[in-house]
Amino acid sequence: MRLLVLALLLFGAWKGYEHYQAKKISAMKRAEQPALNFSGKPGPSTVSFSCDGRKYCSQMTSCAEATYFLKNCPGVKMDGNNDGVPCEQQWCR
């Protein structure tokens, strides 16, 4: 009986973790997509970023954020090969 209860608890924890990861990935994908205006064309995003001293890819949460920092903030270190695409191994693949 204890083994069955333990198995059910582990299964519930595993499913809960899967659900959490799916929501996290979905939120990151939504943040990377441009907002659509009433005409259906990409328009200004509702997400706003500001230069706050972050410099590295590990401090970013999306490709859009890394791109903003690369274009607008001084001293960032996110484009090792200087091709204009930041964080290619982590965010902007």
PDB file of N, CA and C in Angstrom:
ATOM      1  N   MET A   1       0.827  -1.198   0.000  1.00  0.00           N
ATOM      2  CA  MET A   1       0.000   0.000   0.000  1.00  0.00           C
ATOM      3  C   MET A   1       0.875   1.268   0.000  1.00  0.00           C
ATOM      4  N   ARG A   2       1.935   1.272   0.815  1.00  0.00           N
ATOM      5  CA  ARG A   2       2.826   2.440   0.863  1.00  0.00           C
ATOM      6  C   ARG A   2       3.507   2.659  -0.480  1.00  0.00           C
ATOM      7  N   LEU A   3       3.862   1.581  -1.141  1.00  0.00           N
ATOM      8  CA  LEU A   3       4.509   1.686  -2.451  1.00  0.00           C
ATOM      9  C   LEU A   3       3.559   2.321  -3.471  1.00  0.00           C
ATOM     10  N   LEU A   4       2.305   1.955  -3.404  1.00  0.00           N
ATOM     11  CA  LEU A   4       1.312   2.531  -4.313  1.00  0.00           C
ATOM     12  C   LEU A   4       1.146   4.031  -4.050  1.00  0.00           C
ATOM     13  N   VAL A   5       1.080   4.432  -2.806  1.00  0.00           N
ATOM     14  CA  VAL A   5       0.942   5.846  -2.455  1.00  0.00           C
ATOM     15  C   VAL A   5       2.174   6.620  -2.920  1.00  0.00           C
ATOM     16  N   LEU A   6       3.351   6.061  -2.692  1.00  0.00           N
ATOM     17  CA  LEU A   6       4.585   6.700  -3.130  1.00  0.00           C
ATOM     18  C   LEU A   6       4.614   6.853  -4.649  1.00  0.00           C
ATOM     19  N   ALA A   7       4.207   5.812  -5.363  1.00  0.00           N
ATOM     20  CA  ALA A   7       4.175   5.864  -6.824  1.00  0.00           C
ATOM     21  C   ALA A   7       3.207   6.948  -7.302  1.00  0.00           C
ATOM     22  N   LEU A   8       2.052   7.059  -6.678  1.00  0.00           N
ATOM     23  CA  LEU A   8       1.074   8.083  -7.056  1.00  0.00           C
ATOM     24  C   LEU A   8       1.606   9.486  -6.770  1.00  0.00           C
ATOM     25  N   LEU A   9       2.282   9.675  -5.659  1.00  0.00           N
ATOM     26  CA  LEU A   9       2.866  10.974  -5.342  1.00  0.00           C
ATOM     27  C   LEU A   9       3.948  11.345  -6.346  1.00  0.00           C
ATOM     28  N   LEU A  10       4.802  10.406  -6.685  1.00  0.00           N
ATOM     29  CA  LEU A  10       5.850  10.670  -7.665  1.00  0.00           C
ATOM     30  C   LEU A  10       5.259  10.987  -9.037  1.00  0.00           C
ATOM     31  N   PHE A  11       4.234  10.260  -9.429  1.00  0.00           N
ATOM     32  CA  PHE A  11       3.580  10.511 -10.704  1.00  0.00           C
ATOM     33  C   PHE A  11       2.956  11.907 -10.722  1.00  0.00           C
ATOM     34  N   GLY A  12       2.304  12.291  -9.630  1.00  0.00           N
ATOM     35  CA  GLY A  12       1.700  13.622  -9.545  1.00  0.00           C
ATOM     36  C   GLY A  12       2.747  14.723  -9.612  1.00  0.00           C
ATOM     37  N   ALA A  13       3.864  14.515  -8.936  1.00  0.00           N
ATOM     38  CA  ALA A  13       4.942  15.506  -8.970  1.00  0.00           C
ATOM     39  C   ALA A  13       5.512  15.624 -10.375  1.00  0.00           C
ATOM     40  N   TRP A  14       5.700  14.522 -11.035  1.00  0.00           N
ATOM     41  CA  TRP A  14       6.234  14.513 -12.402  1.00  0.00           C
ATOM     42  C   TRP A  14       5.294  15.254 -13.346  1.00  0.00           C
ATOM     43  N   LYS A  15       3.998  14.972 -13.263  1.00  0.00           N
ATOM     44  CA  LYS A  15       3.022  15.646 -14.125  1.00  0.00           C
ATOM     45  C   LYS A  15       2.953  17.146 -13.817  1.00  0.00           C
ATOM     46  N   GLY A  16       3.053  17.494 -12.550  1.00  0.00           N
ATOM     47  CA  GLY A  16       3.050  18.905 -12.185  1.00  0.00           C
ATOM     48  C   GLY A  16       4.258  19.634 -12.759  1.00  0.00           C
ATOM     49  N   TYR A  17       5.419  18.991 -12.722  1.00  0.00           N
ATOM     50  CA  TYR A  17       6.628  19.585 -13.282  1.00  0.00           C
ATOM     51  C   TYR A  17       6.496  19.749 -14.800  1.00  0.00           C
ATOM     52  N   GLU A  18       5.959  18.752 -15.482  1.00  0.00           N
ATOM     53  CA  GLU A  18       5.736  18.855 -16.937  1.00  0.00           C
ATOM     54  C   GLU A  18       4.827  20.036 -17.253  1.00  0.00           C
ATOM     55  N   HIS A  19       3.770  20.195 -16.485  1.00  0.00           N
ATOM     56  CA  HIS A  19       2.828  21.294 -16.697  1.00  0.00           C
ATOM     57  C   HIS A  19       3.523  22.640 -16.499  1.00  0.00           C
ATOM     58  N   TYR A  20       4.329  22.753 -15.451  1.00  0.00           N
ATOM     59  CA  TYR A  20       5.080  23.978 -15.177  1.00  0.00           C
ATOM     60  C   TYR A  20       6.019  24.307 -16.331  1.00  0.00           C
ATOM     61  N   GLN A  21       6.752  23.330 -16.839  1.00  0.00           N
ATOM     62  CA  GLN A  21       7.696  23.556 -17.930  1.00  0.00           C
ATOM     63  C   GLN A  21       6.966  23.985 -19.208  1.00  0.00           C
ATOM     64  N   ALA A  22       5.841  23.361 -19.495  1.00  0.00           N
ATOM     65  CA  ALA A  22       5.071  23.715 -20.696  1.00  0.00           C
ATOM     66  C   ALA A  22       4.596  25.170 -20.619  1.00  0.00           C
ATOM     67  N   LYS A  23       4.122  25.606 -19.460  1.00  0.00           N
ATOM     68  CA  LYS A  23       3.674  26.991 -19.301  1.00  0.00           C
ATOM     69  C   LYS A  23       4.847  27.957 -19.436  1.00  0.00           C
ATOM     70  N   LYS A  24       5.994  27.594 -18.895  1.00  0.00           N
ATOM     71  CA  LYS A  24       7.182  28.444 -18.959  1.00  0.00           C
ATOM     72  C   LYS A  24       7.635  28.622 -20.404  1.00  0.00           C
ATOM     73  N   ILE A  25       7.681  27.549 -21.179  1.00  0.00           N
ATOM     74  CA  ILE A  25       8.084  27.612 -22.587  1.00  0.00           C
ATOM     75  C   ILE A  25       7.079  28.422 -23.388  1.00  0.00           C
ATOM     76  N   SER A  26       5.801  28.226 -23.121  1.00  0.00           N
ATOM     77  CA  SER A  26       4.759  28.972 -23.825  1.00  0.00           C
ATOM     78  C   SER A  26       4.885  30.472 -23.559  1.00  0.00           C
ATOM     79  N   ALA A  27       5.168  30.850 -22.329  1.00  0.00           N
ATOM     80  CA  ALA A  27       5.317  32.264 -21.988  1.00  0.00           C
ATOM     81  C   ALA A  27       6.535  32.863 -22.685  1.00  0.00           C
ATOM     82  N   MET A  28       7.621  32.110 -22.776  1.00  0.00           N
ATOM     83  CA  MET A  28       8.823  32.620 -23.443  1.00  0.00           C
ATOM     84  C   MET A  28       8.569  32.795 -24.940  1.00  0.00           C
ATOM     85  N   LYS A  29       7.822  31.879 -25.560  1.00  0.00           N
ATOM     86  CA  LYS A  29       7.521  32.010 -26.985  1.00  0.00           C
ATOM     87  C   LYS A  29       6.635  33.216 -27.243  1.00  0.00           C
ATOM     88  N   ARG A  30       5.655  33.463 -26.355  1.00  0.00           N
ATOM     89  CA  ARG A  30       4.786  34.632 -26.513  1.00  0.00           C
ATOM     90  C   ARG A  30       5.581  35.923 -26.398  1.00  0.00           C
ATOM     91  N   ALA A  31       6.569  35.962 -25.516  1.00  0.00           N
ATOM     92  CA  ALA A  31       7.377  37.166 -25.329  1.00  0.00           C
ATOM     93  C   ALA A  31       8.235  37.461 -26.553  1.00  0.00           C
ATOM     94  N   GLU A  32       8.606  36.428 -27.314  1.00  0.00           N
ATOM     95  CA  GLU A  32       9.453  36.624 -28.489  1.00  0.00           C
ATOM     96  C   GLU A  32       8.663  37.036 -29.723  1.00  0.00           C
ATOM     97  N   GLN A  33       7.343  36.797 -29.739  1.00  0.00           N
ATOM     98  CA  GLN A  33       6.538  37.122 -30.905  1.00  0.00           C
ATOM     99  C   GLN A  33       6.155  38.594 -30.887  1.00  0.00           C
ATOM    100  N   PRO A  34       6.210  39.265 -32.053  1.00  0.00           N
ATOM    101  CA  PRO A  34       5.798  40.664 -32.093  1.00  0.00           C
ATOM    102  C   PRO A  34       4.290  40.792 -31.905  1.00  0.00           C
ATOM    103  N   ALA A  35       3.873  41.871 -31.280  1.00  0.00           N
ATOM    104  CA  ALA A  35       2.448  42.129 -31.096  1.00  0.00           C
ATOM    105  C   ALA A  35       1.819  42.474 -32.446  1.00  0.00           C
ATOM    106  N   LEU A  36       0.548  42.101 -32.635  1.00  0.00           N
ATOM    107  CA  LEU A  36      -0.163  42.422 -33.873  1.00  0.00           C
ATOM    108  C   LEU A  36      -1.103  43.593 -33.605  1.00  0.00           C
ATOM    109  N   ASN A  37      -1.115  44.540 -34.521  1.00  0.00           N
ATOM    110  CA  ASN A  37      -2.050  45.646 -34.369  1.00  0.00           C
ATOM    111  C   ASN A  37      -3.373  45.263 -35.043  1.00  0.00           C
ATOM    112  N   PHE A  38      -4.318  46.188 -35.114  1.00  0.00           N
ATOM    113  CA  PHE A  38      -5.643  45.878 -35.646  1.00  0.00           C
ATOM    114  C   PHE A  38      -5.617  45.421 -37.097  1.00  0.00           C
ATOM    115  N   SER A  39      -4.596  45.761 -37.869  1.00  0.00           N
ATOM    116  CA  SER A  39      -4.535  45.360 -39.277  1.00  0.00           C
ATOM    117  C   SER A  39      -3.965  43.958 -39.457  1.00  0.00           C
ATOM    118  N   GLY A  40      -3.497  43.342 -38.360  1.00  0.00           N
ATOM    119  CA  GLY A  40      -2.927  42.017 -38.445  1.00  0.00           C
ATOM    120  C   GLY A  40      -1.441  42.016 -38.773  1.00  0.00           C
ATOM    121  N   LYS A  41      -0.857  43.190 -38.932  1.00  0.00           N
ATOM    122  CA  LYS A  41       0.568  43.290 -39.234  1.00  0.00           C
ATOM    123  C   LYS A  41       1.343  43.507 -37.939  1.00  0.00           C
ATOM    124  N   PRO A  42       2.599  43.053 -37.895  1.00  0.00           N
ATOM    125  CA  PRO A  42       3.377  43.275 -36.684  1.00  0.00           C
ATOM    126  C   PRO A  42       3.473  44.754 -36.359  1.00  0.00           C
ATOM    127  N   GLY A  43       3.275  45.075 -35.105  1.00  0.00           N
ATOM    128  CA  GLY A  43       3.347  46.455 -34.658  1.00  0.00           C
ATOM    129  C   GLY A  43       4.249  46.551 -33.448  1.00  0.00           C
ATOM    130  N   PRO A  44       4.210  47.669 -32.771  1.00  0.00           N
ATOM    131  CA  PRO A  44       5.055  47.824 -31.598  1.00  0.00           C
ATOM    132  C   PRO A  44       4.668  46.820 -30.515  1.00  0.00           C
ATOM    133  N   SER A  45       5.645  46.232 -29.905  1.00  0.00           N
ATOM    134  CA  SER A  45       5.403  45.243 -28.873  1.00  0.00           C
ATOM    135  C   SER A  45       4.945  45.920 -27.586  1.00  0.00           C
ATOM    136  N   THR A  46       4.139  45.229 -26.815  1.00  0.00           N
ATOM    137  CA  THR A  46       3.711  45.764 -25.535  1.00  0.00           C
ATOM    138  C   THR A  46       4.774  45.529 -24.470  1.00  0.00           C
ATOM    139  N   VAL A  47       5.767  44.684 -24.765  1.00  0.00           N
ATOM    140  CA  VAL A  47       6.851  44.432 -23.828  1.00  0.00           C
ATOM    141  C   VAL A  47       7.856  45.565 -23.953  1.00  0.00           C
ATOM    142  N   SER A  48       8.210  46.167 -22.834  1.00  0.00           N
ATOM    143  CA  SER A  48       9.203  47.239 -22.885  1.00  0.00           C
ATOM    144  C   SER A  48      10.438  46.814 -22.102  1.00  0.00           C
ATOM    145  N   PHE A  49      11.584  47.109 -22.662  1.00  0.00           N
ATOM    146  CA  PHE A  49      12.853  46.794 -22.030  1.00  0.00           C
ATOM    147  C   PHE A  49      13.572  48.100 -21.728  1.00  0.00           C
ATOM    148  N   SER A  50      14.487  48.060 -20.797  1.00  0.00           N
ATOM    149  CA  SER A  50      15.315  49.229 -20.515  1.00  0.00           C
ATOM    150  C   SER A  50      16.699  48.766 -20.108  1.00  0.00           C
ATOM    151  N   CYS A  51      17.682  49.576 -20.436  1.00  0.00           N
ATOM    152  CA  CYS A  51      19.065  49.263 -20.094  1.00  0.00           C
ATOM    153  C   CYS A  51      19.206  49.338 -18.571  1.00  0.00           C
ATOM    154  N   ASP A  52      19.501  48.225 -17.970  1.00  0.00           N
ATOM    155  CA  ASP A  52      19.586  48.187 -16.513  1.00  0.00           C
ATOM    156  C   ASP A  52      20.902  47.599 -16.015  1.00  0.00           C
ATOM    157  N   GLY A  53      21.906  47.579 -16.892  1.00  0.00           N
ATOM    158  CA  GLY A  53      23.216  47.114 -16.471  1.00  0.00           C
ATOM    159  C   GLY A  53      23.532  45.672 -16.817  1.00  0.00           C
ATOM    160  N   ARG A  54      22.536  44.922 -17.289  1.00  0.00           N
ATOM    161  CA  ARG A  54      22.808  43.539 -17.683  1.00  0.00           C
ATOM    162  C   ARG A  54      23.641  43.536 -18.952  1.00  0.00           C
ATOM    163  N   LYS A  55      24.566  42.568 -19.069  1.00  0.00           N
ATOM    164  CA  LYS A  55      25.474  42.537 -20.210  1.00  0.00           C
ATOM    165  C   LYS A  55      25.540  41.191 -20.915  1.00  0.00           C
ATOM    166  N   TYR A  56      25.152  40.120 -20.252  1.00  0.00           N
ATOM    167  CA  TYR A  56      25.409  38.771 -20.755  1.00  0.00           C
ATOM    168  C   TYR A  56      24.120  38.025 -21.121  1.00  0.00           C
ATOM    169  N   CYS A  57      24.251  37.060 -22.020  1.00  0.00           N
ATOM    170  CA  CYS A  57      23.112  36.257 -22.462  1.00  0.00           C
ATOM    171  C   CYS A  57      22.431  35.540 -21.301  1.00  0.00           C
ATOM    172  N   SER A  58      23.218  35.100 -20.338  1.00  0.00           N
ATOM    173  CA  SER A  58      22.655  34.380 -19.197  1.00  0.00           C
ATOM    174  C   SER A  58      21.717  35.259 -18.367  1.00  0.00           C
ATOM    175  N   GLN A  59      21.768  36.556 -18.569  1.00  0.00           N
ATOM    176  CA  GLN A  59      20.911  37.475 -17.835  1.00  0.00           C
ATOM    177  C   GLN A  59      19.646  37.838 -18.616  1.00  0.00           C
ATOM    178  N   MET A  60      19.524  37.388 -19.857  1.00  0.00           N
ATOM    179  CA  MET A  60      18.375  37.700 -20.699  1.00  0.00           C
ATOM    180  C   MET A  60      17.290  36.642 -20.528  1.00  0.00           C
ATOM    181  N   THR A  61      16.058  36.988 -20.933  1.00  0.00           N
ATOM    182  CA  THR A  61      14.956  36.035 -20.844  1.00  0.00           C
ATOM    183  C   THR A  61      14.341  35.708 -22.206  1.00  0.00           C
ATOM    184  N   SER A  62      14.810  36.367 -23.274  1.00  0.00           N
ATOM    185  CA  SER A  62      14.282  36.085 -24.604  1.00  0.00           C
ATOM    186  C   SER A  62      15.212  36.661 -25.663  1.00  0.00           C
ATOM    187  N   CYS A  63      15.002  36.241 -26.892  1.00  0.00           N
ATOM    188  CA  CYS A  63      15.766  36.773 -28.017  1.00  0.00           C
ATOM    189  C   CYS A  63      15.425  38.258 -28.221  1.00  0.00           C
ATOM    190  N   ALA A  64      14.159  38.599 -28.063  1.00  0.00           N
ATOM    191  CA  ALA A  64      13.741  39.997 -28.240  1.00  0.00           C
ATOM    192  C   ALA A  64      14.442  40.900 -27.231  1.00  0.00           C
ATOM    193  N   GLU A  65      14.545  40.443 -26.005  1.00  0.00           N
ATOM    194  CA  GLU A  65      15.214  41.236 -24.977  1.00  0.00           C
ATOM    195  C   GLU A  65      16.702  41.373 -25.295  1.00  0.00           C
ATOM    196  N   ALA A  66      17.346  40.281 -25.679  1.00  0.00           N
ATOM    197  CA  ALA A  66      18.775  40.326 -26.015  1.00  0.00           C
ATOM    198  C   ALA A  66      19.027  41.249 -27.200  1.00  0.00           C
ATOM    199  N   THR A  67      18.150  41.206 -28.201  1.00  0.00           N
ATOM    200  CA  THR A  67      18.293  42.068 -29.377  1.00  0.00           C
ATOM    201  C   THR A  67      18.152  43.534 -28.985  1.00  0.00           C
ATOM    202  N   TYR A  68      17.194  43.841 -28.131  1.00  0.00           N
ATOM    203  CA  TYR A  68      17.030  45.215 -27.655  1.00  0.00           C
ATOM    204  C   TYR A  68      18.302  45.691 -26.958  1.00  0.00           C
ATOM    205  N   PHE A  69      18.822  44.866 -26.049  1.00  0.00           N
ATOM    206  CA  PHE A  69      20.019  45.251 -25.306  1.00  0.00           C
ATOM    207  C   PHE A  69      21.201  45.449 -26.247  1.00  0.00           C
ATOM    208  N   LEU A  70      21.350  44.580 -27.241  1.00  0.00           N
ATOM    209  CA  LEU A  70      22.474  44.708 -28.168  1.00  0.00           C
ATOM    210  C   LEU A  70      22.390  46.021 -28.959  1.00  0.00           C
ATOM    211  N   LYS A  71      21.182  46.392 -29.379  1.00  0.00           N
ATOM    212  CA  LYS A  71      21.012  47.594 -30.200  1.00  0.00           C
ATOM    213  C   LYS A  71      21.017  48.891 -29.394  1.00  0.00           C
ATOM    214  N   ASN A  72      20.610  48.828 -28.124  1.00  0.00           N
ATOM    215  CA  ASN A  72      20.370  50.063 -27.386  1.00  0.00           C
ATOM    216  C   ASN A  72      21.228  50.305 -26.152  1.00  0.00           C
ATOM    217  N   CYS A  73      21.928  49.300 -25.666  1.00  0.00           N
ATOM    218  CA  CYS A  73      22.633  49.450 -24.398  1.00  0.00           C
ATOM    219  C   CYS A  73      24.146  49.339 -24.594  1.00  0.00           C
ATOM    220  N   PRO A  74      24.902  50.241 -24.000  1.00  0.00           N
ATOM    221  CA  PRO A  74      26.360  50.207 -24.157  1.00  0.00           C
ATOM    222  C   PRO A  74      27.006  49.104 -23.316  1.00  0.00           C
ATOM    223  N   GLY A  75      28.097  48.545 -23.832  1.00  0.00           N
ATOM    224  CA  GLY A  75      28.914  47.606 -23.077  1.00  0.00           C
ATOM    225  C   GLY A  75      28.383  46.193 -22.951  1.00  0.00           C
ATOM    226  N   VAL A  76      27.391  45.813 -23.760  1.00  0.00           N
ATOM    227  CA  VAL A  76      26.881  44.442 -23.665  1.00  0.00           C
ATOM    228  C   VAL A  76      27.852  43.464 -24.320  1.00  0.00           C
ATOM    229  N   LYS A  77      27.825  42.242 -23.855  1.00  0.00           N
ATOM    230  CA  LYS A  77      28.731  41.215 -24.368  1.00  0.00           C
ATOM    231  C   LYS A  77      27.902  39.998 -24.767  1.00  0.00           C
ATOM    232  N   MET A  78      27.150  40.156 -25.877  1.00  0.00           N
ATOM    233  CA  MET A  78      26.228  39.109 -26.309  1.00  0.00           C
ATOM    234  C   MET A  78      26.401  38.705 -27.758  1.00  0.00           C
ATOM    235  N   ASP A  79      27.352  39.270 -28.460  1.00  0.00           N
ATOM    236  CA  ASP A  79      27.533  38.973 -29.874  1.00  0.00           C
ATOM    237  C   ASP A  79      29.004  38.663 -30.138  1.00  0.00           C
ATOM    238  N   GLY A  80      29.416  37.470 -29.771  1.00  0.00           N
ATOM    239  CA  GLY A  80      30.814  37.089 -29.853  1.00  0.00           C
ATOM    240  C   GLY A  80      31.411  37.137 -31.238  1.00  0.00           C
ATOM    241  N   ASN A  81      30.605  36.834 -32.276  1.00  0.00           N
ATOM    242  CA  ASN A  81      31.144  36.840 -33.645  1.00  0.00           C
ATOM    243  C   ASN A  81      30.800  38.126 -34.397  1.00  0.00           C
ATOM    244  N   ASN A  82      30.240  39.106 -33.721  1.00  0.00           N
ATOM    245  CA  ASN A  82      29.943  40.435 -34.284  1.00  0.00           C
ATOM    246  C   ASN A  82      29.112  40.391 -35.569  1.00  0.00           C
ATOM    247  N   ASP A  83      28.112  39.495 -35.606  1.00  0.00           N
ATOM    248  CA  ASP A  83      27.259  39.413 -36.788  1.00  0.00           C
ATOM    249  C   ASP A  83      25.916  40.129 -36.585  1.00  0.00           C
ATOM    250  N   GLY A  84      25.742  40.767 -35.434  1.00  0.00           N
ATOM    251  CA  GLY A  84      24.505  41.500 -35.168  1.00  0.00           C
ATOM    252  C   GLY A  84      23.394  40.656 -34.567  1.00  0.00           C
ATOM    253  N   VAL A  85      23.637  39.364 -34.360  1.00  0.00           N
ATOM    254  CA  VAL A  85      22.642  38.476 -33.761  1.00  0.00           C
ATOM    255  C   VAL A  85      23.149  38.088 -32.369  1.00  0.00           C
ATOM    256  N   PRO A  86      22.445  38.500 -31.313  1.00  0.00           N
ATOM    257  CA  PRO A  86      22.916  38.198 -29.959  1.00  0.00           C
ATOM    258  C   PRO A  86      22.501  36.800 -29.502  1.00  0.00           C
ATOM    259  N   CYS A  87      23.245  36.262 -28.590  1.00  0.00           N
ATOM    260  CA  CYS A  87      22.870  35.040 -27.862  1.00  0.00           C
ATOM    261  C   CYS A  87      22.448  33.898 -28.783  1.00  0.00           C
ATOM    262  N   GLU A  88      23.225  33.632 -29.813  1.00  0.00           N
ATOM    263  CA  GLU A  88      22.842  32.631 -30.811  1.00  0.00           C
ATOM    264  C   GLU A  88      22.753  31.217 -30.251  1.00  0.00           C
ATOM    265  N   GLN A  89      23.507  30.912 -29.246  1.00  0.00           N
ATOM    266  CA  GLN A  89      23.464  29.552 -28.697  1.00  0.00           C
ATOM    267  C   GLN A  89      22.380  29.390 -27.647  1.00  0.00           C
ATOM    268  N   GLN A  90      21.894  30.497 -27.094  1.00  0.00           N
ATOM    269  CA  GLN A  90      20.904  30.392 -26.032  1.00  0.00           C
ATOM    270  C   GLN A  90      19.509  30.832 -26.468  1.00  0.00           C
ATOM    271  N   TRP A  91      19.370  31.998 -27.113  1.00  0.00           N
ATOM    272  CA  TRP A  91      18.047  32.555 -27.399  1.00  0.00           C
ATOM    273  C   TRP A  91      17.754  32.712 -28.891  1.00  0.00           C
ATOM    274  N   CYS A  92      18.650  33.302 -29.646  1.00  0.00           N
ATOM    275  CA  CYS A  92      18.365  33.664 -31.042  1.00  0.00           C
ATOM    276  C   CYS A  92      18.969  32.646 -32.006  1.00  0.00           C
ATOM    277  N   ARG A  93      18.372  31.494 -32.082  1.00  0.00           N
ATOM    278  CA  ARG A  93      18.917  30.408 -32.917  1.00  0.00           C
ATOM    279  C   ARG A  93      18.525  30.536 -34.353  1.00  0.00           C
TER     280      ARG A  93
END
